[in-house]
Amino acid sequence: MFTGIVEETGFVRSAHDNGDGRRLVVGAGVVLDDVSTGSSIAVDGCCLTVTEFGADDQGAWFAADAVPETLDRTTLGGSAEGDSVNLERPMRADGRFGGHIVQGHVDAVTELESVHEHVDGSRRLTFRLPGALAGQIVEKGSVALDGISLTVAAVEGATFDIAVVPHTLEVTTLGRRVVGDRLNVEVDVIARYVAGLMAADRLPNDRLTDAGGRI
């Protein structure tokens, strides 16, 4: 389990097809302090398993394989040499819970539609709301974008907004995002399970409303 508090930004040293999957080699530092083969590291919000690691004249690195399912649901299939990526290790059992529950299981990919700069250095970012996630991304709820724990500022029709403070813009890849960029989305796990129960008709709608008909 992750929390969406990015520990560092690494970079893709190489990315090449491996059959119908893809093998990534990522340059990193902090997340490799206690690494071992089989460790999990979230790369732009995708939980990947470390298959190799080491260090050379370019610095420390780790390798991970993305299977076809991961490539279908995430942006990793388009990763290229030099791309910056957000990195996070799983939360320790005795660690501080700073974000929200992030599983590293990306639901869909979204696109950045607009950027509004505020005079205080913060930004309001508007993203396309994937149709399959309608109702699972809600105002003041949590969402992970490229592995970053964020609070939803607004949901309007087919879009949702995120208000991003200067610190987050500085220490993650969000500060370099421009209109048209694609990002990985993971909805809050509670919203995911509620949607699943309702789809299976295991959670009748009338149990979710009060006397006034409000959810």
Protein backbone atom coordinates (compact mmCIF):
# COMPACT_ATOMS: atom_id res chain seq x y z
CA MET A 1 0.00 0.00 0.00
CA PHE A 2 1.15 3.52 -0.83
CA THR A 3 0.02 6.94 0.41
CA GLY A 4 0.51 9.16 -2.64
CA ILE A 5 3.29 11.15 -0.97
CA VAL A 6 5.99 11.13 -3.64
CA GLU A 7 9.47 10.51 -2.22
CA GLU A 8 11.43 11.66 -5.26
CA THR A 9 11.28 12.10 -9.01
CA GLY A 10 13.44 9.67 -10.97
CA PHE A 11 13.99 9.39 -14.70
CA VAL A 12 13.60 6.67 -17.30
CA ARG A 13 17.06 5.50 -18.34
CA SER A 14 15.70 3.08 -20.91
CA ALA A 15 12.40 1.56 -22.00
CA HIS A 16 12.07 -1.23 -24.51
CA ASP A 17 9.51 -3.82 -25.52
CA ASN A 18 9.87 -7.23 -23.95
CA GLY A 19 7.56 -9.47 -25.95
CA ASP A 20 4.12 -7.90 -25.47
CA GLY A 21 5.28 -6.29 -22.24
CA ARG A 22 7.77 -3.51 -21.57
CA ARG A 23 10.94 -3.34 -19.50
CA LEU A 24 11.81 -0.10 -17.75
CA VAL A 25 15.11 0.92 -16.20
CA VAL A 26 14.66 3.89 -13.87
CA GLY A 27 17.33 6.11 -12.34
CA ALA A 28 16.58 6.79 -8.68
CA GLY A 29 18.13 7.43 -5.28
CA VAL A 30 15.98 7.64 -2.16
CA VAL A 31 13.64 4.76 -3.03
CA LEU A 32 16.63 2.44 -3.44
CA ASP A 33 17.95 2.93 0.11
CA ASP A 34 16.51 -0.39 1.26
CA VAL A 35 15.69 -2.04 -2.06
CA SER A 36 15.85 -5.76 -2.72
CA THR A 37 14.80 -7.94 -5.63
CA GLY A 38 11.03 -8.31 -5.43
CA SER A 39 10.45 -4.94 -3.73
CA SER A 40 7.51 -2.83 -4.86
CA ILE A 41 7.97 0.73 -6.11
CA ALA A 42 5.20 2.94 -7.46
CA VAL A 43 6.26 4.53 -10.77
CA ASP A 44 3.87 7.34 -11.71
CA GLY A 45 1.31 5.60 -9.53
CA CYS A 46 1.81 2.10 -10.98
CA CYS A 47 2.96 -0.55 -8.53
CA LEU A 48 5.89 -2.35 -10.17
CA THR A 49 8.15 -5.12 -8.91
CA VAL A 50 11.89 -4.58 -8.85
CA THR A 51 13.58 -7.31 -10.91
CA GLU A 52 17.12 -5.91 -10.85
CA PHE A 53 18.96 -2.98 -9.32
CA GLY A 54 22.45 -1.59 -9.24
CA ALA A 55 24.64 1.46 -9.68
CA ASP A 56 27.07 2.70 -12.30
CA ASP A 57 28.67 5.94 -13.45
CA GLN A 58 25.17 7.37 -14.11
CA GLY A 59 23.98 6.63 -10.58
CA ALA A 60 21.67 4.09 -8.95
CA TRP A 61 18.94 2.37 -10.94
CA PHE A 62 16.30 -0.35 -10.83
CA ALA A 63 14.57 -2.39 -13.51
CA ALA A 64 10.91 -3.46 -13.61
CA ASP A 65 8.65 -5.17 -16.10
CA ALA A 66 5.24 -3.82 -17.11
CA VAL A 67 2.86 -6.54 -18.32
CA PRO A 68 0.25 -5.99 -21.08
CA GLU A 69 -2.53 -5.28 -18.54
CA THR A 70 -0.43 -2.47 -17.05
CA LEU A 71 0.38 -1.06 -20.48
CA ASP A 72 -3.31 -1.08 -21.45
CA ARG A 73 -4.38 0.93 -18.39
CA THR A 74 -1.48 3.32 -17.85
CA THR A 75 0.88 5.71 -19.57
CA LEU A 76 3.89 3.42 -19.13
CA GLY A 77 3.61 2.11 -22.66
CA GLY A 78 4.61 5.55 -23.89
CA SER A 79 7.53 6.01 -21.50
CA ALA A 80 10.70 7.17 -23.20
CA GLU A 81 14.31 7.71 -22.23
CA GLY A 82 14.70 10.85 -20.14
CA ASP A 83 11.08 11.05 -18.94
CA SER A 84 10.67 12.15 -15.30
CA VAL A 85 8.59 9.85 -13.09
CA ASN A 86 7.19 10.06 -9.56
CA LEU A 87 8.51 7.38 -7.22
CA GLU A 88 7.26 6.06 -3.88
CA ARG A 89 7.99 3.00 -1.78
CA PRO A 90 5.17 1.17 0.05
CA MET A 91 4.29 2.64 3.43
CA ARG A 92 5.99 1.07 6.44
CA ALA A 93 3.67 -0.35 9.10
CA ASP A 94 5.09 2.14 11.60
CA GLY A 95 5.16 5.04 9.15
CA ARG A 96 3.23 8.30 9.11
CA PHE A 97 0.10 8.23 6.94
CA GLY A 98 0.40 11.51 5.04
CA GLY A 99 -1.86 11.11 2.00
CA HIS A 100 -4.64 8.58 1.41
CA ILE A 101 -4.83 4.86 0.67
CA VAL A 102 -3.24 4.32 -2.75
CA GLN A 103 -2.95 0.77 -4.03
CA GLY A 104 -0.82 1.45 -7.08
CA HIS A 105 -3.56 -0.03 -9.27
CA VAL A 106 -4.28 2.53 -11.96
CA ASP A 107 -7.90 2.72 -13.11
CA ALA A 108 -7.57 4.80 -16.25
CA VAL A 109 -5.66 7.54 -18.03
CA THR A 110 -6.80 11.16 -18.10
CA GLU A 111 -5.71 14.21 -20.09
CA LEU A 112 -4.84 17.67 -18.80
CA GLU A 113 -7.29 20.09 -20.42
CA SER A 114 -6.37 23.45 -18.92
CA VAL A 115 -4.00 25.15 -16.46
CA HIS A 116 -4.82 28.27 -14.45
CA GLU A 117 -1.92 30.04 -12.74
CA HIS A 118 -2.62 31.80 -9.43
CA VAL A 119 -0.58 34.73 -8.17
CA ASP A 120 0.47 32.76 -5.06
CA GLY A 121 2.30 30.24 -7.25
CA SER A 122 -0.37 27.55 -7.02
CA ARG A 123 -2.21 26.17 -10.04
CA ARG A 124 -5.68 24.88 -10.75
CA LEU A 125 -5.58 22.01 -13.19
CA THR A 126 -8.58 20.72 -15.12
CA PHE A 127 -8.62 17.10 -16.27
CA ARG A 128 -10.93 15.04 -18.44
CA LEU A 129 -13.11 12.74 -16.31
CA PRO A 130 -12.96 9.20 -17.76
CA GLY A 131 -16.53 8.01 -18.25
CA ALA A 132 -15.91 4.74 -16.43
CA LEU A 133 -14.95 6.70 -13.30
CA ALA A 134 -18.01 8.97 -13.18
CA GLY A 135 -19.31 9.07 -9.61
CA GLN A 136 -16.05 7.73 -8.21
CA ILE A 137 -14.28 11.10 -8.38
CA VAL A 138 -16.15 13.56 -6.18
CA GLU A 139 -15.62 17.10 -4.88
CA LYS A 140 -13.38 17.14 -1.78
CA GLY A 141 -12.64 13.46 -2.28
CA SER A 142 -9.18 12.00 -2.85
CA VAL A 143 -7.64 10.94 -6.12
CA ALA A 144 -4.14 9.88 -7.17
CA LEU A 145 -2.72 11.38 -10.36
CA ASP A 146 0.59 9.85 -11.47
CA GLY A 147 0.84 8.54 -7.93
CA ILE A 148 0.32 11.92 -6.23
CA SER A 149 -2.32 12.13 -3.50
CA LEU A 150 -4.57 15.10 -4.31
CA THR A 151 -7.91 16.54 -3.24
CA VAL A 152 -10.58 17.10 -5.89
CA ALA A 153 -11.51 20.79 -5.96
CA ALA A 154 -14.54 20.46 -8.26
CA VAL A 155 -16.34 18.10 -10.61
CA GLU A 156 -18.25 19.67 -13.48
CA GLY A 157 -19.74 17.51 -16.18
CA ALA A 158 -16.98 15.64 -17.97
CA THR A 159 -14.10 17.30 -16.11
CA PHE A 160 -12.62 17.56 -12.63
CA ASP A 161 -10.29 20.15 -11.09
CA ILE A 162 -7.30 19.85 -8.79
CA ALA A 163 -5.80 22.76 -6.84
CA VAL A 164 -2.05 22.23 -6.48
CA VAL A 165 0.17 24.04 -3.97
CA PRO A 166 3.64 25.29 -5.03
CA HIS A 167 5.46 22.62 -2.99
CA THR A 168 3.73 19.79 -4.84
CA LEU A 169 4.44 21.48 -8.18
CA GLU A 170 8.12 21.66 -7.23
CA VAL A 171 8.73 18.14 -5.89
CA THR A 172 6.63 16.13 -8.36
CA THR A 173 6.17 16.02 -12.12
CA LEU A 174 2.95 18.09 -11.91
CA GLY A 175 4.94 21.31 -12.18
CA ARG A 176 6.08 20.31 -15.67
CA ARG A 177 2.74 19.15 -17.00
CA VAL A 178 1.21 21.02 -19.96
CA VAL A 179 -2.16 20.87 -21.70
CA GLY A 180 -2.53 17.61 -23.59
CA ASP A 181 -0.34 15.56 -21.24
CA ARG A 182 -1.75 12.18 -20.16
CA LEU A 183 -1.68 11.07 -16.51
CA ASN A 184 -2.54 7.91 -14.60
CA VAL A 185 -5.65 8.02 -12.41
CA GLU A 186 -6.43 5.90 -9.37
CA VAL A 187 -9.69 6.62 -7.58
CA ASP A 188 -10.12 6.35 -3.83
CA VAL A 189 -10.35 2.67 -2.90
CA ILE A 190 -13.59 3.20 -0.94
CA ALA A 191 -15.26 4.72 -4.02
CA ARG A 192 -14.01 1.80 -6.10
CA TYR A 193 -15.56 -0.80 -3.81
CA VAL A 194 -18.85 1.07 -3.45
CA ALA A 195 -19.10 1.28 -7.26
CA GLY A 196 -18.34 -2.43 -7.51
CA LEU A 197 -20.99 -3.38 -4.96
CA MET A 198 -23.59 -1.24 -6.70
CA ALA A 199 -22.71 -2.73 -10.11
CA ALA A 200 -23.19 -6.20 -8.63
CA ASP A 201 -26.52 -5.12 -7.12
CA ARG A 202 -25.17 -5.87 -3.66
CA LEU A 203 -25.72 -2.33 -2.38
CA PRO A 204 -29.22 -1.10 -3.29
CA ASN A 205 -29.40 2.63 -4.00
CA ASP A 206 -32.11 3.21 -1.39
CA ARG A 207 -29.63 2.30 1.37
CA LEU A 208 -27.39 5.20 0.29
CA THR A 209 -30.02 7.94 0.51
CA ASP A 210 -31.50 9.82 3.43
CA ALA A 211 -35.12 10.81 3.86
CA GLY A 212 -34.61 13.78 1.55
CA GLY A 213 -33.29 11.61 -1.24
CA ARG A 214 -29.71 12.84 -0.89
CA ILE A 215 -26.75 10.49 -1.02
